[in-house]
Amino acid sequence: MICHGLQKRNLIYLNEPTCSPPEADRELSSKRDLVRGIRMQEPIVVVDADEKQRQEMCAVLEREDYRTVALPSLANLDQEIQEGTRRVIILDLDTIPVDNRFFRGLKKENPGVCVIGLSSRPFHPELKEAMSSHIYACLGKPVDEEELVFWVKSLCE
């Protein structure tokens, strides 16, 4: 998947029901569950050293029917990415020490991974290369829940 373009896949269209109303409700409900199941196939990795912030981020995404994997550091990130197809990593740039070399290596080993950064700073001169080439979006803190969900949806659907 190319991070800088939106790609639609696994679309399920909820057609008009052609059966009786109770059956239609069950059919529509099962299709919605299927849509949620597709959304939840690829967990989003949230990397943040601040436990409260990490839990809040996961709760926002889980309310939108995304599965999450919460990590307090980069120590287990390689293992989590190798366990399956992880397309989105949400990374707190304020609490996790990273540099351009980290992002180059991450994208070289996992070209399909897209990173959403979180930061309280408006500019990161030390991450100039990463911001222009490897970070899909960088959201300001405090994170607006609607904006976060928008960016995640643009990457996952």
N, C-alpha and C. Protein backbone atom coordinates (compact mmCIF):
# COMPACT_ATOMS: atom_id res chain seq x y z
N MET A 1 0.83 -1.19 0.00
CA MET A 1 0.00 0.00 0.00
C MET A 1 0.87 1.24 0.00
N ILE A 2 0.53 2.20 -0.79
CA ILE A 2 1.26 3.46 -0.84
C ILE A 2 0.60 4.40 0.16
N CYS A 3 1.40 4.94 1.05
CA CYS A 3 0.83 5.76 2.13
C CYS A 3 0.32 7.11 1.66
N HIS A 4 0.90 7.66 0.63
CA HIS A 4 0.53 9.01 0.26
C HIS A 4 -0.69 9.09 -0.64
N GLY A 5 -1.27 7.97 -0.98
CA GLY A 5 -2.49 7.96 -1.77
C GLY A 5 -3.53 7.13 -1.06
N LEU A 6 -4.77 7.47 -1.20
CA LEU A 6 -5.82 6.70 -0.57
C LEU A 6 -6.15 5.51 -1.45
N GLN A 7 -6.23 4.36 -0.85
CA GLN A 7 -6.55 3.16 -1.60
C GLN A 7 -7.76 2.51 -0.94
N LYS A 8 -8.80 2.27 -1.71
CA LYS A 8 -10.00 1.62 -1.21
C LYS A 8 -9.91 0.14 -1.50
N ARG A 9 -10.18 -0.68 -0.49
CA ARG A 9 -10.23 -2.11 -0.70
C ARG A 9 -11.14 -2.72 0.34
N ASN A 10 -11.53 -3.94 0.11
CA ASN A 10 -12.41 -4.66 1.03
C ASN A 10 -13.71 -3.90 1.29
N LEU A 11 -14.25 -3.29 0.25
CA LEU A 11 -15.49 -2.56 0.41
C LEU A 11 -16.67 -3.51 0.38
N ILE A 12 -17.59 -3.30 1.28
CA ILE A 12 -18.83 -4.06 1.29
C ILE A 12 -19.96 -3.07 1.21
N TYR A 13 -20.80 -3.24 0.22
CA TYR A 13 -21.91 -2.34 0.04
C TYR A 13 -23.12 -2.91 0.74
N LEU A 14 -23.76 -2.10 1.54
CA LEU A 14 -24.96 -2.52 2.25
C LEU A 14 -26.15 -2.24 1.36
N ASN A 15 -26.61 -3.26 0.65
CA ASN A 15 -27.72 -3.11 -0.30
C ASN A 15 -29.04 -3.02 0.43
N GLU A 16 -30.05 -2.58 -0.31
CA GLU A 16 -31.40 -2.56 0.22
C GLU A 16 -31.83 -3.99 0.52
N PRO A 17 -32.38 -4.25 1.70
CA PRO A 17 -32.81 -5.60 2.01
C PRO A 17 -34.02 -6.00 1.16
N THR A 18 -34.04 -7.28 0.77
CA THR A 18 -35.15 -7.78 -0.03
C THR A 18 -35.97 -8.78 0.76
N CYS A 19 -35.75 -8.90 2.05
CA CYS A 19 -36.49 -9.86 2.85
C CYS A 19 -37.38 -9.11 3.85
N SER A 20 -38.08 -9.88 4.67
CA SER A 20 -39.01 -9.28 5.62
C SER A 20 -38.24 -8.43 6.64
N PRO A 21 -38.90 -7.47 7.30
CA PRO A 21 -38.21 -6.55 8.22
C PRO A 21 -37.34 -7.22 9.29
N PRO A 22 -37.81 -8.25 10.04
CA PRO A 22 -36.90 -8.84 11.03
C PRO A 22 -35.67 -9.48 10.37
N GLU A 23 -35.86 -10.14 9.25
CA GLU A 23 -34.73 -10.73 8.55
C GLU A 23 -33.81 -9.64 8.00
N ALA A 24 -34.41 -8.55 7.54
CA ALA A 24 -33.61 -7.43 7.02
C ALA A 24 -32.73 -6.86 8.12
N ASP A 25 -33.27 -6.73 9.33
CA ASP A 25 -32.46 -6.22 10.43
C ASP A 25 -31.29 -7.14 10.73
N ARG A 26 -31.56 -8.46 10.73
CA ARG A 26 -30.48 -9.42 10.98
C ARG A 26 -29.43 -9.37 9.87
N GLU A 27 -29.90 -9.28 8.62
CA GLU A 27 -28.98 -9.24 7.49
C GLU A 27 -28.11 -7.98 7.55
N LEU A 28 -28.74 -6.84 7.81
CA LEU A 28 -28.01 -5.58 7.89
C LEU A 28 -27.03 -5.62 9.05
N SER A 29 -27.46 -6.16 10.19
CA SER A 29 -26.59 -6.26 11.35
C SER A 29 -25.39 -7.14 11.06
N SER A 30 -25.61 -8.27 10.38
CA SER A 30 -24.49 -9.15 10.09
C SER A 30 -23.53 -8.51 9.10
N LYS A 31 -24.03 -7.72 8.15
CA LYS A 31 -23.15 -7.01 7.21
C LYS A 31 -22.35 -5.95 7.94
N ARG A 32 -22.97 -5.27 8.88
CA ARG A 32 -22.23 -4.27 9.67
C ARG A 32 -21.13 -4.94 10.47
N ASP A 33 -21.45 -6.12 11.07
CA ASP A 33 -20.44 -6.86 11.82
C ASP A 33 -19.29 -7.26 10.91
N LEU A 34 -19.61 -7.64 9.66
CA LEU A 34 -18.57 -8.01 8.71
C LEU A 34 -17.69 -6.81 8.39
N VAL A 35 -18.30 -5.65 8.22
CA VAL A 35 -17.52 -4.44 7.96
C VAL A 35 -16.60 -4.16 9.15
N ARG A 36 -17.13 -4.28 10.36
CA ARG A 36 -16.29 -4.07 11.55
C ARG A 36 -15.16 -5.08 11.59
N GLY A 37 -15.45 -6.33 11.22
CA GLY A 37 -14.43 -7.36 11.21
C GLY A 37 -13.30 -7.03 10.26
N ILE A 38 -13.63 -6.49 9.09
CA ILE A 38 -12.60 -6.10 8.14
C ILE A 38 -11.77 -4.97 8.71
N ARG A 39 -12.43 -4.01 9.33
CA ARG A 39 -11.71 -2.88 9.89
C ARG A 39 -10.75 -3.34 10.98
N MET A 40 -11.13 -4.39 11.69
CA MET A 40 -10.35 -4.83 12.83
C MET A 40 -9.27 -5.83 12.46
N GLN A 41 -9.12 -6.24 11.21
CA GLN A 41 -8.14 -7.24 10.84
C GLN A 41 -6.72 -6.80 11.11
N GLU A 42 -6.42 -5.57 10.90
CA GLU A 42 -5.05 -5.10 11.01
C GLU A 42 -4.93 -4.11 12.17
N PRO A 43 -4.47 -4.57 13.32
CA PRO A 43 -4.39 -3.69 14.48
C PRO A 43 -3.48 -2.49 14.24
N ILE A 44 -3.82 -1.42 14.89
CA ILE A 44 -3.03 -0.19 14.83
C ILE A 44 -2.10 -0.20 16.03
N VAL A 45 -0.83 0.05 15.78
CA VAL A 45 0.16 0.05 16.86
C VAL A 45 0.29 1.48 17.39
N VAL A 46 0.06 1.64 18.68
CA VAL A 46 0.18 2.95 19.34
C VAL A 46 1.42 2.89 20.24
N VAL A 47 2.41 3.73 19.91
CA VAL A 47 3.66 3.75 20.68
C VAL A 47 3.75 5.10 21.40
N ASP A 48 3.67 5.04 22.73
CA ASP A 48 3.67 6.26 23.54
C ASP A 48 4.17 5.88 24.92
N ALA A 49 5.15 6.58 25.43
CA ALA A 49 5.69 6.28 26.76
C ALA A 49 4.74 6.70 27.88
N ASP A 50 3.84 7.63 27.61
CA ASP A 50 2.87 8.11 28.58
C ASP A 50 1.68 7.13 28.60
N GLU A 51 1.56 6.37 29.69
CA GLU A 51 0.54 5.32 29.76
C GLU A 51 -0.87 5.87 29.62
N LYS A 52 -1.17 6.97 30.29
CA LYS A 52 -2.52 7.55 30.21
C LYS A 52 -2.85 7.96 28.77
N GLN A 53 -1.93 8.64 28.14
CA GLN A 53 -2.12 9.09 26.77
C GLN A 53 -2.27 7.90 25.81
N ARG A 54 -1.46 6.87 26.03
CA ARG A 54 -1.51 5.66 25.21
C ARG A 54 -2.87 4.97 25.35
N GLN A 55 -3.37 4.86 26.57
CA GLN A 55 -4.67 4.23 26.80
C GLN A 55 -5.80 5.05 26.18
N GLU A 56 -5.72 6.38 26.29
CA GLU A 56 -6.75 7.24 25.70
C GLU A 56 -6.78 7.09 24.18
N MET A 57 -5.61 7.03 23.57
CA MET A 57 -5.51 6.89 22.11
C MET A 57 -6.12 5.56 21.68
N CYS A 58 -5.80 4.50 22.39
CA CYS A 58 -6.36 3.18 22.07
C CYS A 58 -7.87 3.18 22.25
N ALA A 59 -8.37 3.83 23.30
CA ALA A 59 -9.81 3.87 23.55
C ALA A 59 -10.54 4.59 22.41
N VAL A 60 -9.98 5.68 21.92
CA VAL A 60 -10.60 6.41 20.80
C VAL A 60 -10.69 5.50 19.59
N LEU A 61 -9.64 4.80 19.28
CA LEU A 61 -9.62 3.93 18.09
C LEU A 61 -10.53 2.72 18.26
N GLU A 62 -10.57 2.17 19.45
CA GLU A 62 -11.43 1.01 19.71
C GLU A 62 -12.90 1.38 19.64
N ARG A 63 -13.25 2.60 20.02
CA ARG A 63 -14.65 3.06 19.86
C ARG A 63 -15.05 3.08 18.40
N GLU A 64 -14.08 3.24 17.52
CA GLU A 64 -14.33 3.25 16.07
C GLU A 64 -14.14 1.85 15.47
N ASP A 65 -14.07 0.84 16.32
CA ASP A 65 -13.96 -0.56 15.91
C ASP A 65 -12.62 -0.94 15.31
N TYR A 66 -11.56 -0.26 15.69
CA TYR A 66 -10.22 -0.66 15.30
C TYR A 66 -9.60 -1.41 16.47
N ARG A 67 -8.84 -2.45 16.17
CA ARG A 67 -8.07 -3.12 17.21
C ARG A 67 -6.77 -2.34 17.36
N THR A 68 -6.23 -2.38 18.56
CA THR A 68 -4.98 -1.65 18.80
C THR A 68 -3.99 -2.55 19.54
N VAL A 69 -2.73 -2.23 19.38
CA VAL A 69 -1.65 -2.81 20.15
C VAL A 69 -0.92 -1.63 20.77
N ALA A 70 -0.85 -1.59 22.10
CA ALA A 70 -0.22 -0.47 22.80
C ALA A 70 1.18 -0.85 23.25
N LEU A 71 2.14 0.00 22.91
CA LEU A 71 3.54 -0.24 23.29
C LEU A 71 4.08 1.00 24.02
N PRO A 72 4.79 0.79 25.14
CA PRO A 72 5.37 1.93 25.86
C PRO A 72 6.71 2.39 25.29
N SER A 73 7.29 1.58 24.38
CA SER A 73 8.59 1.94 23.79
C SER A 73 8.73 1.25 22.44
N LEU A 74 9.85 1.49 21.79
CA LEU A 74 10.11 0.88 20.49
C LEU A 74 10.69 -0.54 20.62
N ALA A 75 10.94 -1.00 21.84
CA ALA A 75 11.61 -2.28 22.06
C ALA A 75 10.94 -3.45 21.34
N ASN A 76 9.63 -3.53 21.34
CA ASN A 76 8.92 -4.66 20.74
C ASN A 76 8.25 -4.30 19.42
N LEU A 77 8.55 -3.14 18.87
CA LEU A 77 7.88 -2.72 17.63
C LEU A 77 8.18 -3.67 16.48
N ASP A 78 9.43 -4.06 16.30
CA ASP A 78 9.77 -4.97 15.20
C ASP A 78 8.98 -6.27 15.30
N GLN A 79 8.87 -6.81 16.50
CA GLN A 79 8.13 -8.06 16.70
C GLN A 79 6.65 -7.86 16.37
N GLU A 80 6.06 -6.77 16.80
CA GLU A 80 4.64 -6.52 16.53
C GLU A 80 4.38 -6.36 15.04
N ILE A 81 5.28 -5.70 14.34
CA ILE A 81 5.08 -5.50 12.90
C ILE A 81 5.26 -6.82 12.17
N GLN A 82 6.20 -7.65 12.59
CA GLN A 82 6.45 -8.92 11.91
C GLN A 82 5.36 -9.95 12.16
N GLU A 83 4.55 -9.78 13.22
CA GLU A 83 3.50 -10.74 13.53
C GLU A 83 2.39 -10.73 12.50
N GLY A 84 2.24 -9.69 11.76
CA GLY A 84 1.18 -9.60 10.77
C GLY A 84 1.31 -8.34 9.97
N THR A 85 0.26 -8.02 9.27
CA THR A 85 0.28 -6.81 8.45
C THR A 85 -0.18 -5.64 9.30
N ARG A 86 0.75 -4.83 9.73
CA ARG A 86 0.42 -3.63 10.50
C ARG A 86 0.67 -2.45 9.58
N ARG A 87 -0.35 -1.77 9.20
CA ARG A 87 -0.18 -0.68 8.25
C ARG A 87 -0.03 0.66 8.93
N VAL A 88 -0.55 0.82 10.13
CA VAL A 88 -0.53 2.14 10.77
C VAL A 88 0.16 2.05 12.13
N ILE A 89 1.10 2.96 12.33
CA ILE A 89 1.75 3.13 13.62
C ILE A 89 1.51 4.57 14.05
N ILE A 90 0.99 4.74 15.25
CA ILE A 90 0.83 6.07 15.83
C ILE A 90 1.96 6.22 16.84
N LEU A 91 2.79 7.22 16.62
CA LEU A 91 4.03 7.36 17.38
C LEU A 91 4.10 8.75 18.01
N ASP A 92 4.25 8.78 19.34
CA ASP A 92 4.39 10.05 20.04
C ASP A 92 5.83 10.53 19.93
N LEU A 93 6.04 11.58 19.18
CA LEU A 93 7.39 12.10 18.94
C LEU A 93 7.96 12.82 20.16
N ASP A 94 7.10 13.17 21.13
CA ASP A 94 7.57 13.85 22.34
C ASP A 94 8.11 12.88 23.39
N THR A 95 7.56 11.67 23.44
CA THR A 95 7.94 10.74 24.51
C THR A 95 8.79 9.57 24.04
N ILE A 96 8.88 9.35 22.74
CA ILE A 96 9.66 8.24 22.19
C ILE A 96 10.85 8.83 21.42
N PRO A 97 12.07 8.52 21.84
CA PRO A 97 13.25 9.07 21.14
C PRO A 97 13.45 8.39 19.78
N VAL A 98 13.29 9.17 18.72
CA VAL A 98 13.48 8.66 17.36
C VAL A 98 14.30 9.67 16.57
N ASP A 99 14.90 9.19 15.48
CA ASP A 99 15.65 10.07 14.59
C ASP A 99 15.39 9.63 13.15
N ASN A 100 15.96 10.37 12.21
CA ASN A 100 15.75 10.06 10.79
C ASN A 100 16.20 8.64 10.45
N ARG A 101 17.29 8.20 11.06
CA ARG A 101 17.80 6.85 10.80
C ARG A 101 16.77 5.78 11.19
N PHE A 102 16.08 5.98 12.31
CA PHE A 102 15.05 5.04 12.73
C PHE A 102 13.96 4.92 11.65
N PHE A 103 13.48 6.06 11.14
CA PHE A 103 12.41 6.05 10.14
C PHE A 103 12.89 5.44 8.81
N ARG A 104 14.12 5.72 8.41
CA ARG A 104 14.65 5.11 7.19
C ARG A 104 14.66 3.58 7.32
N GLY A 105 15.15 3.09 8.45
CA GLY A 105 15.20 1.65 8.68
C GLY A 105 13.81 1.02 8.75
N LEU A 106 12.90 1.70 9.42
CA LEU A 106 11.53 1.20 9.54
C LEU A 106 10.89 1.04 8.16
N LYS A 107 11.01 2.08 7.33
CA LYS A 107 10.40 2.03 6.00
C LYS A 107 11.13 1.06 5.06
N LYS A 108 12.42 0.89 5.25
CA LYS A 108 13.17 -0.06 4.43
C LYS A 108 12.72 -1.49 4.73
N GLU A 109 12.56 -1.81 5.99
CA GLU A 109 12.16 -3.15 6.40
C GLU A 109 10.65 -3.39 6.23
N ASN A 110 9.86 -2.34 6.33
CA ASN A 110 8.39 -2.46 6.28
C ASN A 110 7.83 -1.35 5.41
N PRO A 111 7.97 -1.46 4.10
CA PRO A 111 7.55 -0.36 3.22
C PRO A 111 6.05 -0.04 3.26
N GLY A 112 5.22 -0.99 3.69
CA GLY A 112 3.78 -0.76 3.74
C GLY A 112 3.31 -0.07 5.00
N VAL A 113 4.20 0.18 5.94
CA VAL A 113 3.82 0.81 7.20
C VAL A 113 3.69 2.31 7.03
N CYS A 114 2.63 2.86 7.59
CA CYS A 114 2.43 4.32 7.58
C CYS A 114 2.48 4.82 9.02
N VAL A 115 3.19 5.90 9.23
CA VAL A 115 3.37 6.46 10.57
C VAL A 115 2.58 7.76 10.69
N ILE A 116 1.82 7.84 11.77
CA ILE A 116 1.17 9.09 12.16
C ILE A 116 1.90 9.55 13.42
N GLY A 117 2.49 10.72 13.35
CA GLY A 117 3.21 11.27 14.50
C GLY A 117 2.30 12.14 15.34
N LEU A 118 2.62 12.21 16.62
CA LEU A 118 1.93 13.11 17.55
C LEU A 118 2.99 13.98 18.21
N SER A 119 2.72 15.28 18.32
CA SER A 119 3.72 16.16 18.91
C SER A 119 3.08 17.43 19.46
N SER A 120 3.68 17.94 20.52
CA SER A 120 3.25 19.23 21.06
C SER A 120 4.03 20.37 20.42
N ARG A 121 5.09 20.00 19.68
CA ARG A 121 5.92 21.00 19.02
C ARG A 121 5.47 21.20 17.57
N PRO A 122 5.47 22.43 17.10
CA PRO A 122 5.06 22.66 15.71
C PRO A 122 6.12 22.31 14.68
N PHE A 123 7.37 22.19 15.11
CA PHE A 123 8.45 21.94 14.17
C PHE A 123 9.50 21.04 14.82
N HIS A 124 10.01 20.08 14.06
CA HIS A 124 11.05 19.17 14.52
C HIS A 124 12.21 19.22 13.53
N PRO A 125 13.12 20.18 13.68
CA PRO A 125 14.21 20.29 12.71
C PRO A 125 15.06 19.02 12.63
N GLU A 126 15.17 18.28 13.73
CA GLU A 126 15.97 17.05 13.74
C GLU A 126 15.29 15.92 12.96
N LEU A 127 14.00 16.08 12.63
CA LEU A 127 13.25 15.06 11.88
C LEU A 127 12.80 15.56 10.51
N LYS A 128 13.54 16.52 9.97
CA LYS A 128 13.15 17.12 8.70
C LYS A 128 12.97 16.07 7.60
N GLU A 129 13.93 15.17 7.45
CA GLU A 129 13.84 14.11 6.43
C GLU A 129 12.63 13.20 6.69
N ALA A 130 12.47 12.78 7.94
CA ALA A 130 11.37 11.88 8.29
C ALA A 130 10.02 12.55 8.03
N MET A 131 9.91 13.82 8.37
CA MET A 131 8.64 14.53 8.17
C MET A 131 8.29 14.62 6.69
N SER A 132 9.29 14.79 5.85
CA SER A 132 8.99 14.95 4.43
C SER A 132 8.85 13.61 3.69
N SER A 133 9.46 12.55 4.21
CA SER A 133 9.47 11.28 3.46
C SER A 133 8.81 10.10 4.15
N HIS A 134 8.79 10.06 5.48
CA HIS A 134 8.40 8.84 6.16
C HIS A 134 7.20 8.97 7.09
N ILE A 135 6.84 10.16 7.48
CA ILE A 135 5.70 10.35 8.38
C ILE A 135 4.53 10.84 7.55
N TYR A 136 3.46 10.05 7.57
CA TYR A 136 2.29 10.33 6.74
C TYR A 136 1.59 11.62 7.20
N ALA A 137 1.42 11.77 8.52
CA ALA A 137 0.79 12.96 9.09
C ALA A 137 1.36 13.17 10.48
N CYS A 138 1.38 14.42 10.92
CA CYS A 138 1.80 14.73 12.28
C CYS A 138 0.70 15.57 12.91
N LEU A 139 0.12 15.06 13.98
CA LEU A 139 -0.99 15.73 14.64
C LEU A 139 -0.50 16.45 15.88
N GLY A 140 -1.04 17.64 16.11
CA GLY A 140 -0.68 18.42 17.29
C GLY A 140 -1.37 17.89 18.53
N LYS A 141 -0.72 18.10 19.65
CA LYS A 141 -1.30 17.73 20.94
C LYS A 141 -1.92 18.96 21.58
N PRO A 142 -2.97 18.81 22.30
CA PRO A 142 -3.73 17.58 22.51
C PRO A 142 -4.39 17.15 21.20
N VAL A 143 -4.45 15.84 21.01
CA VAL A 143 -4.95 15.28 19.76
C VAL A 143 -6.46 15.43 19.68
N ASP A 144 -6.90 15.96 18.55
CA ASP A 144 -8.33 16.05 18.28
C ASP A 144 -8.79 14.67 17.82
N GLU A 145 -9.75 14.07 18.53
CA GLU A 145 -10.19 12.71 18.25
C GLU A 145 -10.71 12.56 16.82
N GLU A 146 -11.48 13.52 16.36
CA GLU A 146 -12.04 13.45 15.00
C GLU A 146 -10.93 13.48 13.95
N GLU A 147 -9.93 14.30 14.18
CA GLU A 147 -8.82 14.38 13.24
C GLU A 147 -8.04 13.06 13.21
N LEU A 148 -7.80 12.49 14.38
CA LEU A 148 -7.10 11.21 14.45
C LEU A 148 -7.87 10.13 13.69
N VAL A 149 -9.16 10.04 13.93
CA VAL A 149 -9.99 9.03 13.26
C VAL A 149 -10.00 9.27 11.75
N PHE A 150 -10.05 10.53 11.34
CA PHE A 150 -10.01 10.85 9.90
C PHE A 150 -8.75 10.28 9.26
N TRP A 151 -7.58 10.54 9.87
CA TRP A 151 -6.32 10.09 9.28
C TRP A 151 -6.22 8.57 9.30
N VAL A 152 -6.66 7.95 10.38
CA VAL A 152 -6.62 6.48 10.44
C VAL A 152 -7.53 5.88 9.39
N LYS A 153 -8.73 6.43 9.26
CA LYS A 153 -9.65 5.92 8.21
C LYS A 153 -9.06 6.10 6.82
N SER A 154 -8.39 7.21 6.59
CA SER A 154 -7.83 7.44 5.26
C SER A 154 -6.74 6.41 4.93
N LEU A 155 -6.12 5.85 5.94
CA LEU A 155 -5.09 4.85 5.72
C LEU A 155 -5.62 3.42 5.70
N CYS A 156 -6.70 3.18 6.41
CA CYS A 156 -7.18 1.81 6.60
C CYS A 156 -8.34 1.41 5.69
N GLU A 157 -9.00 2.36 5.11
CA GLU A 157 -10.19 1.99 4.31
C GLU A 157 -10.01 2.35 2.87
